[in-house]
Amino acid sequence: VQAAPVRVASPSSTAAMAAPVARLIAPAAPPAGDS
């Protein structure tokens, strides 16, 4: 497969990367029989 443009994930903080989630989301109990 032809290579896709490489995503440059710079570790330096930007407004978008400094806060990729607005709040911490705690995991909920998984449904019964989940797989």
PDB file of all heavy atoms in Angstrom:
ATOM      1  N   VAL A   1       0.853  -1.180   0.000  1.00  0.00           N
ATOM      2  CA  VAL A   1       0.000   0.000   0.000  1.00  0.00           C
ATOM      3  C   VAL A   1       0.888   1.229   0.000  1.00  0.00           C
ATOM      4  O   VAL A   1       1.876   1.286   0.723  1.00  0.00           O
ATOM      5  CB  VAL A   1      -0.903   0.031   1.256  1.00  0.00           C
ATOM      6  CG1 VAL A   1      -1.769   1.287   1.250  1.00  0.00           C
ATOM      7  CG2 VAL A   1      -1.783  -1.209   1.293  1.00  0.00           C
ATOM      8  N   GLN A   2       0.559   2.201  -0.825  1.00  0.00           N
ATOM      9  CA  GLN A   2       1.338   3.422  -0.851  1.00  0.00           C
ATOM     10  C   GLN A   2       1.287   4.100   0.513  1.00  0.00           C
ATOM     11  O   GLN A   2       0.245   4.205   1.135  1.00  0.00           O
ATOM     12  CB  GLN A   2       0.791   4.372  -1.914  1.00  0.00           C
ATOM     13  CG  GLN A   2       1.640   5.650  -2.044  1.00  0.00           C
ATOM     14  CD  GLN A   2       1.128   6.524  -3.160  1.00  0.00           C
ATOM     15  OE1 GLN A   2       0.252   6.114  -3.902  1.00  0.00           O
ATOM     16  NE2 GLN A   2       1.675   7.713  -3.289  1.00  0.00           N
ATOM     17  N   ALA A   3       2.446   4.536   0.968  1.00  0.00           N
ATOM     18  CA  ALA A   3       2.530   5.115   2.308  1.00  0.00           C
ATOM     19  C   ALA A   3       1.711   6.384   2.412  1.00  0.00           C
ATOM     20  O   ALA A   3       1.698   7.210   1.502  1.00  0.00           O
ATOM     21  CB  ALA A   3       3.990   5.418   2.656  1.00  0.00           C
ATOM     22  N   ALA A   4       1.028   6.528   3.549  1.00  0.00           N
ATOM     23  CA  ALA A   4       0.259   7.739   3.799  1.00  0.00           C
ATOM     24  C   ALA A   4       1.172   8.818   4.320  1.00  0.00           C
ATOM     25  O   ALA A   4       2.261   8.540   4.824  1.00  0.00           O
ATOM     26  CB  ALA A   4      -0.822   7.454   4.845  1.00  0.00           C
ATOM     27  N   PRO A   5       0.778  10.085   4.221  1.00  0.00           N
ATOM     28  CA  PRO A   5       1.573  11.152   4.819  1.00  0.00           C
ATOM     29  C   PRO A   5       1.786  10.872   6.300  1.00  0.00           C
ATOM     30  O   PRO A   5       0.847  10.523   7.013  1.00  0.00           O
ATOM     31  CB  PRO A   5       0.702  12.403   4.601  1.00  0.00           C
ATOM     32  CG  PRO A   5      -0.154  12.057   3.430  1.00  0.00           C
ATOM     33  CD  PRO A   5      -0.418  10.587   3.530  1.00  0.00           C
ATOM     34  N   VAL A   6       3.017  10.996   6.748  1.00  0.00           N
ATOM     35  CA  VAL A   6       3.343  10.681   8.127  1.00  0.00           C
ATOM     36  C   VAL A   6       2.857  11.788   9.039  1.00  0.00           C
ATOM     37  O   VAL A   6       3.117  12.966   8.812  1.00  0.00           O
ATOM     38  CB  VAL A   6       4.878  10.507   8.293  1.00  0.00           C
ATOM     39  CG1 VAL A   6       5.225  10.278   9.748  1.00  0.00           C
ATOM     40  CG2 VAL A   6       5.346   9.345   7.437  1.00  0.00           C
ATOM     41  N   ARG A   7       2.119  11.401  10.078  1.00  0.00           N
ATOM     42  CA  ARG A   7       1.645  12.367  11.060  1.00  0.00           C
ATOM     43  C   ARG A   7       2.802  12.743  11.966  1.00  0.00           C
ATOM     44  O   ARG A   7       3.434  11.889  12.560  1.00  0.00           O
ATOM     45  CB  ARG A   7       0.515  11.749  11.888  1.00  0.00           C
ATOM     46  CG  ARG A   7      -0.066  12.679  12.893  1.00  0.00           C
ATOM     47  CD  ARG A   7      -1.022  11.958  13.825  1.00  0.00           C
ATOM     48  NE  ARG A   7      -2.162  11.410  13.105  1.00  0.00           N
ATOM     49  CZ  ARG A   7      -2.354  10.125  12.953  1.00  0.00           C
ATOM     50  NH1 ARG A   7      -1.519   9.254  13.443  1.00  0.00           N
ATOM     51  NH2 ARG A   7      -3.420   9.690  12.298  1.00  0.00           N
ATOM     52  N   VAL A   8       3.118  14.008  12.059  1.00  0.00           N
ATOM     53  CA  VAL A   8       4.201  14.474  12.911  1.00  0.00           C
ATOM     54  C   VAL A   8       3.618  14.845  14.264  1.00  0.00           C
ATOM     55  O   VAL A   8       3.006  15.886  14.428  1.00  0.00           O
ATOM     56  CB  VAL A   8       4.927  15.689  12.291  1.00  0.00           C
ATOM     57  CG1 VAL A   8       6.077  16.110  13.187  1.00  0.00           C
ATOM     58  CG2 VAL A   8       5.423  15.345  10.902  1.00  0.00           C
ATOM     59  N   ALA A   9       3.792  13.952  15.227  1.00  0.00           N
ATOM     60  CA  ALA A   9       3.213  14.172  16.547  1.00  0.00           C
ATOM     61  C   ALA A   9       4.269  14.793  17.449  1.00  0.00           C
ATOM     62  O   ALA A   9       4.941  14.123  18.210  1.00  0.00           O
ATOM     63  CB  ALA A   9       2.715  12.855  17.135  1.00  0.00           C
ATOM     64  N   SER A  10       4.492  16.080  17.318  1.00  0.00           N
ATOM     65  CA  SER A  10       5.509  16.751  18.109  1.00  0.00           C
ATOM     66  C   SER A  10       5.143  16.724  19.578  1.00  0.00           C
ATOM     67  O   SER A  10       3.991  16.948  19.953  1.00  0.00           O
ATOM     68  CB  SER A  10       5.637  18.208  17.655  1.00  0.00           C
ATOM     69  OG  SER A  10       6.471  18.919  18.552  1.00  0.00           O
ATOM     70  N   PRO A  11       6.139  16.434  20.451  1.00  0.00           N
ATOM     71  CA  PRO A  11       5.827  16.400  21.876  1.00  0.00           C
ATOM     72  C   PRO A  11       5.662  17.779  22.481  1.00  0.00           C
ATOM     73  O   PRO A  11       5.213  17.922  23.605  1.00  0.00           O
ATOM     74  CB  PRO A  11       7.045  15.676  22.462  1.00  0.00           C
ATOM     75  CG  PRO A  11       8.165  16.026  21.546  1.00  0.00           C
ATOM     76  CD  PRO A  11       7.525  16.083  20.174  1.00  0.00           C
ATOM     77  N   SER A  12       6.047  18.813  21.767  1.00  0.00           N
ATOM     78  CA  SER A  12       5.886  20.152  22.313  1.00  0.00           C
ATOM     79  C   SER A  12       4.412  20.505  22.396  1.00  0.00           C
ATOM     80  O   SER A  12       3.599  20.109  21.573  1.00  0.00           O
ATOM     81  CB  SER A  12       6.613  21.166  21.431  1.00  0.00           C
ATOM     82  OG  SER A  12       6.077  21.141  20.138  1.00  0.00           O
ATOM     83  N   SER A  13       4.053  21.252  23.408  1.00  0.00           N
ATOM     84  CA  SER A  13       2.637  21.556  23.655  1.00  0.00           C
ATOM     85  C   SER A  13       2.146  22.631  22.704  1.00  0.00           C
ATOM     86  O   SER A  13       2.806  23.613  22.436  1.00  0.00           O
ATOM     87  CB  SER A  13       2.461  22.044  25.091  1.00  0.00           C
ATOM     88  OG  SER A  13       2.757  21.009  25.990  1.00  0.00           O
ATOM     89  N   THR A  14       0.939  22.369  22.180  1.00  0.00           N
ATOM     90  CA  THR A  14       0.202  23.385  21.447  1.00  0.00           C
ATOM     91  C   THR A  14      -1.174  23.433  22.083  1.00  0.00           C
ATOM     92  O   THR A  14      -1.514  22.608  22.915  1.00  0.00           O
ATOM     93  CB  THR A  14       0.084  23.029  19.953  1.00  0.00           C
ATOM     94  OG1 THR A  14      -0.661  21.827  19.844  1.00  0.00           O
ATOM     95  CG2 THR A  14       1.457  22.850  19.315  1.00  0.00           C
ATOM     96  N   ALA A  15      -1.973  24.379  21.671  1.00  0.00           N
ATOM     97  CA  ALA A  15      -3.304  24.480  22.274  1.00  0.00           C
ATOM     98  C   ALA A  15      -4.100  23.208  22.056  1.00  0.00           C
ATOM     99  O   ALA A  15      -4.820  22.745  22.932  1.00  0.00           O
ATOM    100  CB  ALA A  15      -4.047  25.681  21.691  1.00  0.00           C
ATOM    101  N   ALA A  16      -3.958  22.600  20.859  1.00  0.00           N
ATOM    102  CA  ALA A  16      -4.747  21.400  20.567  1.00  0.00           C
ATOM    103  C   ALA A  16      -4.234  20.199  21.332  1.00  0.00           C
ATOM    104  O   ALA A  16      -5.006  19.398  21.837  1.00  0.00           O
ATOM    105  CB  ALA A  16      -4.721  21.115  19.063  1.00  0.00           C
ATOM    106  N   MET A  17      -2.892  20.053  21.419  1.00  0.00           N
ATOM    107  CA  MET A  17      -2.331  18.861  22.025  1.00  0.00           C
ATOM    108  C   MET A  17      -2.206  18.982  23.532  1.00  0.00           C
ATOM    109  O   MET A  17      -2.118  17.987  24.235  1.00  0.00           O
ATOM    110  CB  MET A  17      -0.965  18.544  21.416  1.00  0.00           C
ATOM    111  CG  MET A  17      -1.036  18.191  19.947  1.00  0.00           C
ATOM    112  SD  MET A  17       0.489  17.497  19.328  1.00  0.00           S
ATOM    113  CE  MET A  17       0.538  15.927  20.173  1.00  0.00           C
ATOM    114  N   ALA A  18      -2.174  20.201  24.049  1.00  0.00           N
ATOM    115  CA  ALA A  18      -2.031  20.363  25.492  1.00  0.00           C
ATOM    116  C   ALA A  18      -3.265  19.874  26.220  1.00  0.00           C
ATOM    117  O   ALA A  18      -3.186  19.431  27.356  1.00  0.00           O
ATOM    118  CB  ALA A  18      -1.781  21.823  25.833  1.00  0.00           C
ATOM    119  N   ALA A  19      -4.412  19.923  25.572  1.00  0.00           N
ATOM    120  CA  ALA A  19      -5.652  19.497  26.223  1.00  0.00           C
ATOM    121  C   ALA A  19      -6.518  18.722  25.242  1.00  0.00           C
ATOM    122  O   ALA A  19      -7.547  19.189  24.789  1.00  0.00           O
ATOM    123  CB  ALA A  19      -6.413  20.706  26.747  1.00  0.00           C
ATOM    124  N   PRO A  20      -6.059  17.488  24.849  1.00  0.00           N
ATOM    125  CA  PRO A  20      -6.825  16.724  23.877  1.00  0.00           C
ATOM    126  C   PRO A  20      -8.152  16.235  24.413  1.00  0.00           C
ATOM    127  O   PRO A  20      -9.012  15.831  23.651  1.00  0.00           O
ATOM    128  CB  PRO A  20      -5.896  15.549  23.547  1.00  0.00           C
ATOM    129  CG  PRO A  20      -5.018  15.417  24.752  1.00  0.00           C
ATOM    130  CD  PRO A  20      -4.845  16.814  25.285  1.00  0.00           C
ATOM    131  N   VAL A  21      -8.334  16.204  25.726  1.00  0.00           N
ATOM    132  CA  VAL A  21      -9.636  15.896  26.302  1.00  0.00           C
ATOM    133  C   VAL A  21      -9.972  16.979  27.308  1.00  0.00           C
ATOM    134  O   VAL A  21      -9.143  17.407  28.089  1.00  0.00           O
ATOM    135  CB  VAL A  21      -9.654  14.517  26.988  1.00  0.00           C
ATOM    136  CG1 VAL A  21      -9.743  13.404  25.975  1.00  0.00           C
ATOM    137  CG2 VAL A  21      -8.440  14.311  27.869  1.00  0.00           C
ATOM    138  N   ALA A  22     -11.189  17.450  27.253  1.00  0.00           N
ATOM    139  CA  ALA A  22     -11.571  18.557  28.131  1.00  0.00           C
ATOM    140  C   ALA A  22     -11.717  18.099  29.576  1.00  0.00           C
ATOM    141  O   ALA A  22     -11.556  18.879  30.499  1.00  0.00           O
ATOM    142  CB  ALA A  22     -12.885  19.167  27.635  1.00  0.00           C
ATOM    143  N   ARG A  23     -12.025  16.827  29.781  1.00  0.00           N
ATOM    144  CA  ARG A  23     -12.211  16.333  31.141  1.00  0.00           C
ATOM    145  C   ARG A  23     -11.807  14.874  31.194  1.00  0.00           C
ATOM    146  O   ARG A  23     -11.763  14.174  30.180  1.00  0.00           O
ATOM    147  CB  ARG A  23     -13.676  16.477  31.550  1.00  0.00           C
ATOM    148  CG  ARG A  23     -14.648  15.766  30.641  1.00  0.00           C
ATOM    149  CD  ARG A  23     -16.091  16.084  30.963  1.00  0.00           C
ATOM    150  NE  ARG A  23     -16.987  15.495  30.011  1.00  0.00           N
ATOM    151  CZ  ARG A  23     -17.461  14.250  30.085  1.00  0.00           C
ATOM    152  NH1 ARG A  23     -17.066  13.461  31.075  1.00  0.00           N
ATOM    153  NH2 ARG A  23     -18.304  13.784  29.170  1.00  0.00           N
ATOM    154  N   LEU A  24     -11.494  14.416  32.390  1.00  0.00           N
ATOM    155  CA  LEU A  24     -11.124  13.023  32.577  1.00  0.00           C
ATOM    156  C   LEU A  24     -12.382  12.167  32.574  1.00  0.00           C
ATOM    157  O   LEU A  24     -13.320  12.423  33.333  1.00  0.00           O
ATOM    158  CB  LEU A  24     -10.378  12.862  33.904  1.00  0.00           C
ATOM    159  CG  LEU A  24      -9.856  11.462  34.219  1.00  0.00           C
ATOM    160  CD1 LEU A  24      -8.861  11.013  33.158  1.00  0.00           C
ATOM    161  CD2 LEU A  24      -9.205  11.453  35.596  1.00  0.00           C
ATOM    162  N   ILE A  25     -12.421  11.165  31.707  1.00  0.00           N
ATOM    163  CA  ILE A  25     -13.582  10.298  31.579  1.00  0.00           C
ATOM    164  C   ILE A  25     -13.261   8.973  32.257  1.00  0.00           C
ATOM    165  O   ILE A  25     -12.363   8.246  31.828  1.00  0.00           O
ATOM    166  CB  ILE A  25     -13.948  10.073  30.103  1.00  0.00           C
ATOM    167  CG1 ILE A  25     -14.248  11.421  29.429  1.00  0.00           C
ATOM    168  CG2 ILE A  25     -15.131   9.131  29.967  1.00  0.00           C
ATOM    169  CD1 ILE A  25     -14.488  11.318  27.946  1.00  0.00           C
ATOM    170  N   ALA A  26     -13.983   8.671  33.325  1.00  0.00           N
ATOM    171  CA  ALA A  26     -13.760   7.425  34.051  1.00  0.00           C
ATOM    172  C   ALA A  26     -14.435   6.273  33.319  1.00  0.00           C
ATOM    173  O   ALA A  26     -15.500   6.440  32.720  1.00  0.00           O
ATOM    174  CB  ALA A  26     -14.309   7.539  35.470  1.00  0.00           C
ATOM    175  N   PRO A  27     -13.830   5.090  33.335  1.00  0.00           N
ATOM    176  CA  PRO A  27     -14.452   3.947  32.652  1.00  0.00           C
ATOM    177  C   PRO A  27     -15.711   3.488  33.357  1.00  0.00           C
ATOM    178  O   PRO A  27     -15.769   3.420  34.592  1.00  0.00           O
ATOM    179  CB  PRO A  27     -13.361   2.874  32.713  1.00  0.00           C
ATOM    180  CG  PRO A  27     -12.525   3.242  33.890  1.00  0.00           C
ATOM    181  CD  PRO A  27     -12.544   4.739  33.947  1.00  0.00           C
ATOM    182  N   ALA A  28     -16.734   3.188  32.587  1.00  0.00           N
ATOM    183  CA  ALA A  28     -17.977   2.637  33.137  1.00  0.00           C
ATOM    184  C   ALA A  28     -17.880   1.118  33.176  1.00  0.00           C
ATOM    185  O   ALA A  28     -17.031   0.514  32.509  1.00  0.00           O
ATOM    186  CB  ALA A  28     -19.162   3.070  32.285  1.00  0.00           C
ATOM    187  N   ALA A  29     -18.735   0.492  33.940  1.00  0.00           N
ATOM    188  CA  ALA A  29     -18.760  -0.966  33.981  1.00  0.00           C
ATOM    189  C   ALA A  29     -19.144  -1.493  32.601  1.00  0.00           C
ATOM    190  O   ALA A  29     -20.140  -1.049  32.023  1.00  0.00           O
ATOM    191  CB  ALA A  29     -19.757  -1.442  35.028  1.00  0.00           C
ATOM    192  N   PRO A  30     -18.357  -2.425  32.041  1.00  0.00           N
ATOM    193  CA  PRO A  30     -18.690  -2.945  30.712  1.00  0.00           C
ATOM    194  C   PRO A  30     -19.971  -3.757  30.754  1.00  0.00           C
ATOM    195  O   PRO A  30     -20.320  -4.340  31.783  1.00  0.00           O
ATOM    196  CB  PRO A  30     -17.476  -3.828  30.377  1.00  0.00           C
ATOM    197  CG  PRO A  30     -16.903  -4.211  31.692  1.00  0.00           C
ATOM    198  CD  PRO A  30     -17.144  -3.044  32.599  1.00  0.00           C
ATOM    199  N   PRO A  31     -20.702  -3.803  29.642  1.00  0.00           N
ATOM    200  CA  PRO A  31     -21.936  -4.600  29.610  1.00  0.00           C
ATOM    201  C   PRO A  31     -21.639  -6.083  29.767  1.00  0.00           C
ATOM    202  O   PRO A  31     -20.550  -6.553  29.442  1.00  0.00           O
ATOM    203  CB  PRO A  31     -22.522  -4.289  28.226  1.00  0.00           C
ATOM    204  CG  PRO A  31     -21.365  -3.807  27.415  1.00  0.00           C
ATOM    205  CD  PRO A  31     -20.445  -3.123  28.363  1.00  0.00           C
ATOM    206  N   ALA A  32     -22.602  -6.823  30.265  1.00  0.00           N
ATOM    207  CA  ALA A  32     -22.443  -8.265  30.436  1.00  0.00           C
ATOM    208  C   ALA A  32     -22.186  -8.931  29.087  1.00  0.00           C
ATOM    209  O   ALA A  32     -22.793  -8.574  28.074  1.00  0.00           O
ATOM    210  CB  ALA A  32     -23.702  -8.854  31.085  1.00  0.00           C
ATOM    211  N   GLY A  33     -21.285  -9.892  29.085  1.00  0.00           N
ATOM    212  CA  GLY A  33     -20.978 -10.604  27.854  1.00  0.00           C
ATOM    213  C   GLY A  33     -20.168  -9.808  26.861  1.00  0.00           C
ATOM    214  O   GLY A  33     -20.116 -10.160  25.671  1.00  0.00           O
ATOM    215  N   ASP A  34     -19.524  -8.734  27.306  1.00  0.00           N
ATOM    216  CA  ASP A  34     -18.746  -7.894  26.401  1.00  0.00           C
ATOM    217  C   ASP A  34     -17.530  -8.660  25.879  1.00  0.00           C
ATOM    218  O   ASP A  34     -16.971  -9.516  26.564  1.00  0.00           O
ATOM    219  CB  ASP A  34     -18.279  -6.636  27.136  1.00  0.00           C
ATOM    220  CG  ASP A  34     -18.060  -5.466  26.203  1.00  0.00           C
ATOM    221  OD1 ASP A  34     -18.579  -5.499  25.065  1.00  0.00           O
ATOM    222  OD2 ASP A  34     -17.378  -4.502  26.603  1.00  0.00           O
ATOM    223  N   SER A  35     -17.118  -8.342  24.670  1.00  0.00           N
ATOM    224  CA  SER A  35     -15.959  -8.982  24.067  1.00  0.00           C
ATOM    225  C   SER A  35     -15.387  -8.062  22.999  1.00  0.00           C
ATOM    226  O   SER A  35     -16.030  -7.092  22.570  1.00  0.00           O
ATOM    227  CB  SER A  35     -16.327 -10.326  23.436  1.00  0.00           C
ATOM    228  OG  SER A  35     -17.134 -10.131  22.281  1.00  0.00           O
TER     229      SER A  35
END
